[in-house]
Amino acid sequence: MSEEPFRPVIAERLKACRRERKMSLDAVAEATGVSKAMLGQIERQESAPTIATLWKIASGLGISFSLFFADGTGPELERAPFPNDPQMAVSVLFPYDPATRMEMFTITLTGNHRQISAPHRFGVVEHVVVLSGELELVCEGEVHRLKPGGTLRFHADVPHEYRSVTDSAVFQNIICYT
């Protein structure tokens, strides 16, 4: 898949968030741990960020991950592999809702993929339900191996990792913000 559908949407949403908060690139870099240079490249559509970078931006700014993809931006953004991470596809099932403070995704990892996630904001809780394949979820040094139908709820304000044990693992992820 081409990076083209991602760049303008992500760039505009990042700029809009920065404008609403009256934050400079320096301030966003400090809040997120993403370099000012990388943030500038994203806003100028010179670079498509990785999933890990988007999570760092969302967590650092206290916004939802789905902000970058939901709201009718086109089906290619609602269920698509990331151009710089073709072994992971994310589908937004329910974008962030301020009334419930939740969002829900279906995530597919292929090729025994490993996805490392930086800590989210304090108090964020994730709920994982495996639909197919086998998934290992590592949280606070503990490895949880989940088969289809397996579930896990954990505090996501610590580093955590998802690993596809089989060639493909599909799971739903519900993220609850405090």
N, C-alpha and C. Protein backbone atom coordinates (compact mmCIF):
# COMPACT_ATOMS: atom_id res chain seq x y z
N MET A 1 0.83 -1.18 0.00
CA MET A 1 0.00 0.00 0.00
C MET A 1 0.87 1.25 0.00
N SER A 2 0.45 2.24 -0.69
CA SER A 2 1.17 3.49 -0.78
C SER A 2 1.02 4.29 0.52
N GLU A 3 2.03 5.10 0.81
CA GLU A 3 1.98 5.98 1.98
C GLU A 3 1.09 7.18 1.72
N GLU A 4 0.74 7.46 0.46
CA GLU A 4 0.05 8.69 0.11
C GLU A 4 -1.24 8.96 0.88
N PRO A 5 -2.13 7.98 1.09
CA PRO A 5 -3.35 8.30 1.84
C PRO A 5 -3.07 8.68 3.29
N PHE A 6 -1.99 8.20 3.85
CA PHE A 6 -1.68 8.45 5.25
C PHE A 6 -1.13 9.85 5.49
N ARG A 7 -0.21 10.25 4.68
CA ARG A 7 0.53 11.48 4.95
C ARG A 7 -0.34 12.71 5.14
N PRO A 8 -1.24 13.04 4.21
CA PRO A 8 -2.00 14.28 4.40
C PRO A 8 -2.95 14.24 5.59
N VAL A 9 -3.57 13.11 5.84
CA VAL A 9 -4.51 13.01 6.96
C VAL A 9 -3.77 13.14 8.29
N ILE A 10 -2.70 12.40 8.45
CA ILE A 10 -1.93 12.45 9.69
C ILE A 10 -1.33 13.84 9.88
N ALA A 11 -0.79 14.41 8.81
CA ALA A 11 -0.20 15.75 8.90
C ALA A 11 -1.22 16.78 9.35
N GLU A 12 -2.40 16.76 8.75
CA GLU A 12 -3.41 17.75 9.08
C GLU A 12 -3.92 17.58 10.50
N ARG A 13 -4.08 16.35 10.92
CA ARG A 13 -4.59 16.13 12.28
C ARG A 13 -3.56 16.51 13.33
N LEU A 14 -2.30 16.26 13.06
CA LEU A 14 -1.26 16.68 13.99
C LEU A 14 -1.19 18.21 14.07
N LYS A 15 -1.22 18.86 12.91
CA LYS A 15 -1.20 20.33 12.89
C LYS A 15 -2.40 20.91 13.63
N ALA A 16 -3.59 20.34 13.39
CA ALA A 16 -4.80 20.84 14.04
C ALA A 16 -4.71 20.70 15.56
N CYS A 17 -4.20 19.59 16.01
CA CYS A 17 -4.05 19.37 17.45
C CYS A 17 -3.07 20.39 18.03
N ARG A 18 -1.99 20.61 17.32
CA ARG A 18 -0.99 21.58 17.79
C ARG A 18 -1.57 22.99 17.85
N ARG A 19 -2.34 23.35 16.81
CA ARG A 19 -2.96 24.68 16.77
C ARG A 19 -3.96 24.87 17.91
N GLU A 20 -4.81 23.85 18.12
CA GLU A 20 -5.82 23.93 19.19
C GLU A 20 -5.16 24.16 20.54
N ARG A 21 -4.02 23.55 20.74
CA ARG A 21 -3.33 23.64 22.03
C ARG A 21 -2.30 24.76 22.07
N LYS A 22 -2.13 25.45 20.93
CA LYS A 22 -1.16 26.54 20.83
C LYS A 22 0.23 26.07 21.25
N MET A 23 0.64 24.92 20.67
CA MET A 23 1.94 24.32 21.01
C MET A 23 2.90 24.47 19.84
N SER A 24 4.13 24.77 20.14
CA SER A 24 5.19 24.79 19.13
C SER A 24 5.65 23.36 18.87
N LEU A 25 6.42 23.17 17.80
CA LEU A 25 7.00 21.85 17.55
C LEU A 25 7.91 21.44 18.71
N ASP A 26 8.63 22.41 19.27
CA ASP A 26 9.49 22.13 20.42
C ASP A 26 8.68 21.58 21.59
N ALA A 27 7.54 22.21 21.87
CA ALA A 27 6.70 21.77 22.99
C ALA A 27 6.13 20.38 22.74
N VAL A 28 5.72 20.10 21.50
CA VAL A 28 5.19 18.78 21.17
C VAL A 28 6.30 17.74 21.29
N ALA A 29 7.49 18.08 20.82
CA ALA A 29 8.63 17.16 20.91
C ALA A 29 8.91 16.82 22.38
N GLU A 30 8.88 17.83 23.23
CA GLU A 30 9.14 17.60 24.65
C GLU A 30 8.04 16.73 25.28
N ALA A 31 6.79 16.97 24.91
CA ALA A 31 5.67 16.23 25.49
C ALA A 31 5.61 14.78 25.01
N THR A 32 6.08 14.53 23.78
CA THR A 32 5.90 13.20 23.18
C THR A 32 7.16 12.35 23.12
N GLY A 33 8.32 12.97 23.20
CA GLY A 33 9.55 12.22 23.03
C GLY A 33 9.88 11.95 21.57
N VAL A 34 9.13 12.56 20.65
CA VAL A 34 9.40 12.45 19.22
C VAL A 34 10.16 13.72 18.82
N SER A 35 11.23 13.57 18.08
CA SER A 35 12.07 14.73 17.77
C SER A 35 11.32 15.80 16.98
N LYS A 36 11.75 17.03 17.18
CA LYS A 36 11.18 18.16 16.45
C LYS A 36 11.33 17.94 14.95
N ALA A 37 12.48 17.41 14.54
CA ALA A 37 12.72 17.16 13.11
C ALA A 37 11.69 16.16 12.55
N MET A 38 11.45 15.07 13.29
CA MET A 38 10.48 14.07 12.82
C MET A 38 9.08 14.67 12.78
N LEU A 39 8.69 15.42 13.80
CA LEU A 39 7.37 16.05 13.82
C LEU A 39 7.21 16.98 12.62
N GLY A 40 8.25 17.75 12.32
CA GLY A 40 8.21 18.64 11.16
C GLY A 40 8.06 17.87 9.85
N GLN A 41 8.77 16.76 9.74
CA GLN A 41 8.66 15.92 8.53
C GLN A 41 7.25 15.35 8.39
N ILE A 42 6.65 14.96 9.49
CA ILE A 42 5.28 14.44 9.45
C ILE A 42 4.32 15.54 9.01
N GLU A 43 4.45 16.72 9.60
CA GLU A 43 3.56 17.83 9.24
C GLU A 43 3.74 18.29 7.80
N ARG A 44 4.95 18.21 7.28
CA ARG A 44 5.22 18.60 5.89
C ARG A 44 4.96 17.46 4.91
N GLN A 45 4.50 16.33 5.41
CA GLN A 45 4.19 15.14 4.62
C GLN A 45 5.43 14.57 3.94
N GLU A 46 6.58 14.75 4.57
CA GLU A 46 7.82 14.19 4.04
C GLU A 46 8.07 12.78 4.57
N SER A 47 7.35 12.41 5.62
CA SER A 47 7.55 11.12 6.24
C SER A 47 6.22 10.59 6.76
N ALA A 48 6.02 9.29 6.58
CA ALA A 48 4.87 8.62 7.19
C ALA A 48 5.37 7.99 8.48
N PRO A 49 4.80 8.37 9.62
CA PRO A 49 5.31 7.86 10.89
C PRO A 49 5.00 6.38 11.09
N THR A 50 5.81 5.74 11.89
CA THR A 50 5.54 4.35 12.27
C THR A 50 4.40 4.33 13.27
N ILE A 51 3.87 3.15 13.49
CA ILE A 51 2.81 2.98 14.49
C ILE A 51 3.33 3.40 15.85
N ALA A 52 4.55 3.01 16.18
CA ALA A 52 5.13 3.35 17.48
C ALA A 52 5.23 4.87 17.64
N THR A 53 5.60 5.57 16.59
CA THR A 53 5.71 7.03 16.65
C THR A 53 4.34 7.66 16.86
N LEU A 54 3.32 7.15 16.15
CA LEU A 54 1.97 7.69 16.34
C LEU A 54 1.47 7.46 17.77
N TRP A 55 1.78 6.30 18.33
CA TRP A 55 1.38 6.04 19.72
C TRP A 55 2.08 7.01 20.67
N LYS A 56 3.36 7.29 20.42
CA LYS A 56 4.09 8.23 21.27
C LYS A 56 3.47 9.62 21.19
N ILE A 57 3.09 10.02 19.98
CA ILE A 57 2.46 11.34 19.80
C ILE A 57 1.12 11.37 20.52
N ALA A 58 0.30 10.35 20.29
CA ALA A 58 -1.02 10.31 20.92
C ALA A 58 -0.91 10.30 22.44
N SER A 59 -0.03 9.46 22.97
CA SER A 59 0.13 9.38 24.42
C SER A 59 0.66 10.68 25.01
N GLY A 60 1.66 11.24 24.36
CA GLY A 60 2.27 12.47 24.88
C GLY A 60 1.33 13.66 24.86
N LEU A 61 0.43 13.70 23.87
CA LEU A 61 -0.52 14.80 23.77
C LEU A 61 -1.84 14.51 24.47
N GLY A 62 -1.97 13.27 24.96
CA GLY A 62 -3.21 12.92 25.63
C GLY A 62 -4.39 12.84 24.68
N ILE A 63 -4.15 12.37 23.46
CA ILE A 63 -5.21 12.21 22.47
C ILE A 63 -5.32 10.74 22.11
N SER A 64 -6.38 10.39 21.42
CA SER A 64 -6.57 8.99 21.05
C SER A 64 -5.78 8.65 19.79
N PHE A 65 -5.39 7.40 19.70
CA PHE A 65 -4.69 6.89 18.52
C PHE A 65 -5.59 6.97 17.29
N SER A 66 -6.89 6.69 17.48
CA SER A 66 -7.81 6.66 16.34
C SER A 66 -8.03 8.04 15.73
N LEU A 67 -7.66 9.10 16.44
CA LEU A 67 -7.78 10.45 15.89
C LEU A 67 -7.08 10.55 14.54
N PHE A 68 -6.02 9.80 14.36
CA PHE A 68 -5.26 9.87 13.12
C PHE A 68 -5.91 9.14 11.95
N PHE A 69 -6.96 8.33 12.21
CA PHE A 69 -7.52 7.50 11.15
C PHE A 69 -9.02 7.56 10.99
N ALA A 70 -9.76 7.83 12.02
CA ALA A 70 -11.22 7.72 11.99
C ALA A 70 -11.85 8.98 11.41
N ASP A 71 -13.14 9.09 11.51
CA ASP A 71 -13.93 10.23 11.06
C ASP A 71 -14.14 10.26 9.56
N GLY A 72 -14.34 9.11 8.94
CA GLY A 72 -14.70 9.08 7.53
C GLY A 72 -13.62 9.54 6.59
N THR A 73 -12.38 9.22 6.88
CA THR A 73 -11.28 9.65 6.01
C THR A 73 -11.08 8.73 4.83
N GLY A 74 -11.86 7.68 4.75
CA GLY A 74 -11.74 6.77 3.61
C GLY A 74 -11.44 5.37 4.06
N PRO A 75 -11.97 4.39 3.35
CA PRO A 75 -11.77 3.00 3.77
C PRO A 75 -10.31 2.57 3.75
N GLU A 76 -9.50 3.20 2.92
CA GLU A 76 -8.09 2.80 2.88
C GLU A 76 -7.36 3.13 4.18
N LEU A 77 -7.91 4.05 4.96
CA LEU A 77 -7.29 4.37 6.24
C LEU A 77 -7.95 3.62 7.39
N GLU A 78 -9.14 3.10 7.17
CA GLU A 78 -9.84 2.42 8.24
C GLU A 78 -9.40 0.97 8.40
N ARG A 79 -8.88 0.37 7.36
CA ARG A 79 -8.37 -0.99 7.47
C ARG A 79 -7.23 -1.11 6.48
N ALA A 80 -6.04 -0.91 6.97
CA ALA A 80 -4.91 -0.90 6.06
C ALA A 80 -3.63 -1.23 6.77
N PRO A 81 -2.72 -1.91 6.04
CA PRO A 81 -1.39 -2.06 6.61
C PRO A 81 -0.67 -0.71 6.58
N PHE A 82 0.17 -0.49 7.53
CA PHE A 82 0.96 0.73 7.50
C PHE A 82 2.05 0.56 6.45
N PRO A 83 2.32 1.60 5.67
CA PRO A 83 3.30 1.47 4.60
C PRO A 83 4.70 1.12 5.08
N ASN A 84 5.08 1.59 6.27
CA ASN A 84 6.40 1.28 6.79
C ASN A 84 6.36 0.14 7.80
N ASP A 85 5.23 -0.53 7.90
CA ASP A 85 5.07 -1.69 8.77
C ASP A 85 4.01 -2.61 8.16
N PRO A 86 4.33 -3.21 7.01
CA PRO A 86 3.32 -3.99 6.28
C PRO A 86 2.86 -5.25 6.99
N GLN A 87 3.50 -5.63 8.08
CA GLN A 87 3.08 -6.82 8.82
C GLN A 87 2.07 -6.51 9.91
N MET A 88 1.57 -5.26 9.93
CA MET A 88 0.56 -4.89 10.91
C MET A 88 -0.53 -4.09 10.21
N ALA A 89 -1.77 -4.52 10.38
CA ALA A 89 -2.91 -3.78 9.85
C ALA A 89 -3.81 -3.40 11.01
N VAL A 90 -4.34 -2.19 10.96
CA VAL A 90 -5.21 -1.69 12.01
C VAL A 90 -6.53 -1.26 11.39
N SER A 91 -7.62 -1.72 11.99
CA SER A 91 -8.95 -1.33 11.57
C SER A 91 -9.64 -0.66 12.76
N VAL A 92 -10.10 0.57 12.58
CA VAL A 92 -10.80 1.27 13.64
C VAL A 92 -12.25 0.80 13.63
N LEU A 93 -12.66 0.11 14.69
CA LEU A 93 -14.04 -0.34 14.81
C LEU A 93 -14.91 0.76 15.41
N PHE A 94 -14.44 1.35 16.51
CA PHE A 94 -15.11 2.47 17.14
C PHE A 94 -14.04 3.52 17.43
N PRO A 95 -14.12 4.68 16.78
CA PRO A 95 -13.14 5.72 17.10
C PRO A 95 -13.36 6.22 18.53
N TYR A 96 -12.42 6.96 19.02
CA TYR A 96 -12.49 7.48 20.38
C TYR A 96 -13.81 8.24 20.57
N ASP A 97 -14.47 7.97 21.68
CA ASP A 97 -15.72 8.63 22.05
C ASP A 97 -15.51 9.29 23.41
N PRO A 98 -15.59 10.63 23.46
CA PRO A 98 -15.36 11.31 24.74
C PRO A 98 -16.37 10.92 25.81
N ALA A 99 -17.56 10.50 25.43
CA ALA A 99 -18.57 10.11 26.43
C ALA A 99 -18.16 8.82 27.14
N THR A 100 -17.61 7.87 26.40
CA THR A 100 -17.21 6.59 27.00
C THR A 100 -15.73 6.55 27.32
N ARG A 101 -14.94 7.46 26.72
CA ARG A 101 -13.49 7.53 26.87
C ARG A 101 -12.84 6.22 26.42
N MET A 102 -13.39 5.66 25.32
CA MET A 102 -12.89 4.38 24.78
C MET A 102 -12.74 4.46 23.27
N GLU A 103 -11.93 3.56 22.75
CA GLU A 103 -11.84 3.33 21.31
C GLU A 103 -11.55 1.84 21.12
N MET A 104 -11.88 1.32 19.91
CA MET A 104 -11.72 -0.11 19.69
C MET A 104 -11.17 -0.36 18.29
N PHE A 105 -10.23 -1.30 18.22
CA PHE A 105 -9.57 -1.65 16.98
C PHE A 105 -9.58 -3.16 16.76
N THR A 106 -9.47 -3.57 15.51
CA THR A 106 -9.07 -4.94 15.19
C THR A 106 -7.67 -4.81 14.62
N ILE A 107 -6.75 -5.59 15.15
CA ILE A 107 -5.36 -5.53 14.72
C ILE A 107 -4.95 -6.89 14.19
N THR A 108 -4.27 -6.88 13.05
CA THR A 108 -3.75 -8.10 12.45
C THR A 108 -2.23 -8.01 12.38
N LEU A 109 -1.56 -9.00 12.95
CA LEU A 109 -0.11 -9.11 12.86
C LEU A 109 0.19 -10.33 12.00
N THR A 110 1.04 -10.19 11.00
CA THR A 110 1.38 -11.32 10.14
C THR A 110 2.88 -11.57 10.19
N GLY A 111 3.26 -12.76 9.72
CA GLY A 111 4.68 -13.09 9.62
C GLY A 111 5.41 -13.10 10.94
N ASN A 112 4.76 -13.58 12.00
CA ASN A 112 5.37 -13.62 13.33
C ASN A 112 5.88 -12.25 13.76
N HIS A 113 5.10 -11.25 13.47
CA HIS A 113 5.46 -9.85 13.75
C HIS A 113 5.51 -9.57 15.26
N ARG A 114 6.35 -8.63 15.61
CA ARG A 114 6.52 -8.17 16.99
C ARG A 114 6.30 -6.66 17.00
N GLN A 115 5.35 -6.20 17.79
CA GLN A 115 5.04 -4.77 17.89
C GLN A 115 5.28 -4.30 19.31
N ILE A 116 6.22 -3.40 19.50
CA ILE A 116 6.54 -2.87 20.81
C ILE A 116 5.81 -1.54 20.97
N SER A 117 5.13 -1.40 22.09
CA SER A 117 4.35 -0.19 22.35
C SER A 117 4.93 0.54 23.55
N ALA A 118 5.14 1.81 23.37
CA ALA A 118 5.60 2.66 24.48
C ALA A 118 4.45 2.82 25.47
N PRO A 119 4.76 3.17 26.71
CA PRO A 119 3.69 3.37 27.69
C PRO A 119 2.71 4.45 27.25
N HIS A 120 1.44 4.20 27.50
CA HIS A 120 0.41 5.21 27.27
C HIS A 120 0.31 6.07 28.52
N ARG A 121 -0.61 7.03 28.51
CA ARG A 121 -0.79 7.89 29.68
C ARG A 121 -1.13 7.06 30.91
N PHE A 122 -0.83 7.61 32.07
CA PHE A 122 -1.15 6.93 33.33
C PHE A 122 -2.64 6.63 33.39
N GLY A 123 -2.97 5.42 33.79
CA GLY A 123 -4.36 5.01 33.96
C GLY A 123 -5.00 4.38 32.75
N VAL A 124 -4.34 4.39 31.59
CA VAL A 124 -4.92 3.78 30.39
C VAL A 124 -4.93 2.27 30.56
N VAL A 125 -6.07 1.65 30.25
CA VAL A 125 -6.22 0.21 30.36
C VAL A 125 -6.59 -0.33 28.98
N GLU A 126 -5.93 -1.43 28.59
CA GLU A 126 -6.25 -2.10 27.33
C GLU A 126 -6.90 -3.44 27.63
N HIS A 127 -7.85 -3.79 26.76
CA HIS A 127 -8.52 -5.09 26.81
C HIS A 127 -8.24 -5.76 25.46
N VAL A 128 -7.70 -6.97 25.48
CA VAL A 128 -7.35 -7.68 24.25
C VAL A 128 -8.17 -8.97 24.19
N VAL A 129 -8.74 -9.23 23.00
CA VAL A 129 -9.48 -10.46 22.74
C VAL A 129 -8.92 -11.04 21.44
N VAL A 130 -8.36 -12.24 21.50
CA VAL A 130 -7.78 -12.87 20.32
C VAL A 130 -8.89 -13.53 19.51
N LEU A 131 -8.93 -13.20 18.21
CA LEU A 131 -9.94 -13.77 17.32
C LEU A 131 -9.42 -14.98 16.57
N SER A 132 -8.16 -14.91 16.12
CA SER A 132 -7.57 -16.06 15.42
C SER A 132 -6.06 -16.02 15.58
N GLY A 133 -5.43 -17.18 15.40
CA GLY A 133 -3.99 -17.30 15.59
C GLY A 133 -3.65 -17.28 17.07
N GLU A 134 -2.36 -17.18 17.36
CA GLU A 134 -1.90 -17.09 18.74
C GLU A 134 -1.08 -15.83 18.93
N LEU A 135 -1.27 -15.21 20.07
CA LEU A 135 -0.64 -13.94 20.38
C LEU A 135 0.06 -14.04 21.72
N GLU A 136 1.27 -13.51 21.78
CA GLU A 136 1.93 -13.32 23.07
C GLU A 136 1.90 -11.84 23.37
N LEU A 137 1.48 -11.54 24.58
CA LEU A 137 1.45 -10.16 25.04
C LEU A 137 2.39 -10.08 26.23
N VAL A 138 3.37 -9.21 26.13
CA VAL A 138 4.36 -9.06 27.20
C VAL A 138 4.09 -7.73 27.89
N CYS A 139 3.87 -7.81 29.20
CA CYS A 139 3.57 -6.62 29.98
C CYS A 139 4.26 -6.76 31.34
N GLU A 140 5.08 -5.77 31.68
CA GLU A 140 5.83 -5.77 32.93
C GLU A 140 6.65 -7.05 33.10
N GLY A 141 7.24 -7.51 31.99
CA GLY A 141 8.12 -8.67 32.01
C GLY A 141 7.40 -10.01 32.02
N GLU A 142 6.09 -9.99 32.11
CA GLU A 142 5.32 -11.23 32.14
C GLU A 142 4.77 -11.53 30.74
N VAL A 143 4.96 -12.77 30.28
CA VAL A 143 4.49 -13.18 28.95
C VAL A 143 3.15 -13.89 29.11
N HIS A 144 2.16 -13.40 28.38
CA HIS A 144 0.82 -14.00 28.37
C HIS A 144 0.58 -14.55 26.97
N ARG A 145 0.40 -15.86 26.86
CA ARG A 145 0.14 -16.48 25.55
C ARG A 145 -1.36 -16.69 25.42
N LEU A 146 -1.93 -16.10 24.38
CA LEU A 146 -3.37 -16.13 24.19
C LEU A 146 -3.73 -16.84 22.88
N LYS A 147 -4.68 -17.75 22.96
CA LYS A 147 -5.21 -18.46 21.80
C LYS A 147 -6.55 -17.85 21.45
N PRO A 148 -7.17 -18.26 20.33
CA PRO A 148 -8.49 -17.71 19.98
C PRO A 148 -9.47 -17.80 21.15
N GLY A 149 -10.13 -16.68 21.42
CA GLY A 149 -11.04 -16.59 22.55
C GLY A 149 -10.36 -16.13 23.82
N GLY A 150 -9.03 -16.15 23.85
CA GLY A 150 -8.28 -15.70 25.02
C GLY A 150 -8.38 -14.20 25.19
N THR A 151 -8.40 -13.77 26.44
CA THR A 151 -8.53 -12.35 26.76
C THR A 151 -7.50 -11.92 27.79
N LEU A 152 -7.20 -10.64 27.79
CA LEU A 152 -6.31 -10.07 28.79
C LEU A 152 -6.64 -8.60 28.95
N ARG A 153 -6.69 -8.16 30.19
CA ARG A 153 -6.86 -6.74 30.51
C ARG A 153 -5.61 -6.33 31.28
N PHE A 154 -5.02 -5.20 30.89
CA PHE A 154 -3.80 -4.77 31.57
C PHE A 154 -3.67 -3.25 31.54
N HIS A 155 -2.90 -2.74 32.49
CA HIS A 155 -2.59 -1.31 32.53
C HIS A 155 -1.54 -1.04 31.46
N ALA A 156 -1.89 -0.16 30.53
CA ALA A 156 -1.02 0.09 29.37
C ALA A 156 -0.13 1.31 29.57
N ASP A 157 0.01 1.75 30.82
CA ASP A 157 0.88 2.89 31.09
C ASP A 157 2.31 2.43 31.40
N VAL A 158 2.61 1.22 30.95
CA VAL A 158 3.96 0.65 31.02
C VAL A 158 4.31 0.12 29.63
N PRO A 159 5.60 -0.05 29.31
CA PRO A 159 5.92 -0.63 28.00
C PRO A 159 5.26 -2.01 27.87
N HIS A 160 4.77 -2.30 26.67
CA HIS A 160 4.17 -3.60 26.43
C HIS A 160 4.43 -3.99 24.98
N GLU A 161 4.26 -5.27 24.70
CA GLU A 161 4.64 -5.80 23.40
C GLU A 161 3.64 -6.86 22.96
N TYR A 162 3.34 -6.83 21.67
CA TYR A 162 2.47 -7.85 21.07
C TYR A 162 3.33 -8.67 20.11
N ARG A 163 3.20 -9.99 20.15
CA ARG A 163 3.94 -10.86 19.25
C ARG A 163 2.98 -11.87 18.63
N SER A 164 3.03 -11.98 17.32
CA SER A 164 2.27 -13.03 16.64
C SER A 164 3.08 -14.31 16.73
N VAL A 165 2.54 -15.30 17.42
CA VAL A 165 3.23 -16.58 17.57
C VAL A 165 3.04 -17.42 16.32
N THR A 166 1.88 -17.30 15.72
CA THR A 166 1.57 -18.01 14.48
C THR A 166 1.84 -17.07 13.31
N ASP A 167 1.67 -17.58 12.10
CA ASP A 167 1.93 -16.75 10.93
C ASP A 167 1.05 -15.51 10.90
N SER A 168 -0.13 -15.61 11.51
CA SER A 168 -1.05 -14.48 11.57
C SER A 168 -1.80 -14.53 12.89
N ALA A 169 -1.94 -13.39 13.52
CA ALA A 169 -2.75 -13.28 14.74
C ALA A 169 -3.67 -12.07 14.57
N VAL A 170 -4.95 -12.28 14.84
CA VAL A 170 -5.93 -11.20 14.73
C VAL A 170 -6.56 -11.03 16.11
N PHE A 171 -6.59 -9.79 16.58
CA PHE A 171 -7.16 -9.53 17.90
C PHE A 171 -7.85 -8.19 17.93
N GLN A 172 -8.79 -8.08 18.84
CA GLN A 172 -9.44 -6.81 19.07
C GLN A 172 -8.82 -6.17 20.29
N ASN A 173 -8.71 -4.86 20.23
CA ASN A 173 -8.07 -4.09 21.29
C ASN A 173 -8.99 -2.94 21.66
N ILE A 174 -9.45 -2.95 22.89
CA ILE A 174 -10.28 -1.87 23.41
C ILE A 174 -9.41 -1.08 24.36
N ILE A 175 -9.33 0.22 24.12
CA ILE A 175 -8.48 1.08 24.94
C ILE A 175 -9.38 2.03 25.72
N CYS A 176 -9.21 2.02 27.03
CA CYS A 176 -10.01 2.85 27.93
C CYS A 176 -9.10 3.92 28.55
N TYR A 177 -9.49 5.16 28.38
CA TYR A 177 -8.73 6.29 28.91
C TYR A 177 -9.36 6.78 30.21
N THR A 178 -8.54 7.22 31.15
CA THR A 178 -9.09 7.73 32.41
C THR A 178 -9.28 9.22 32.33
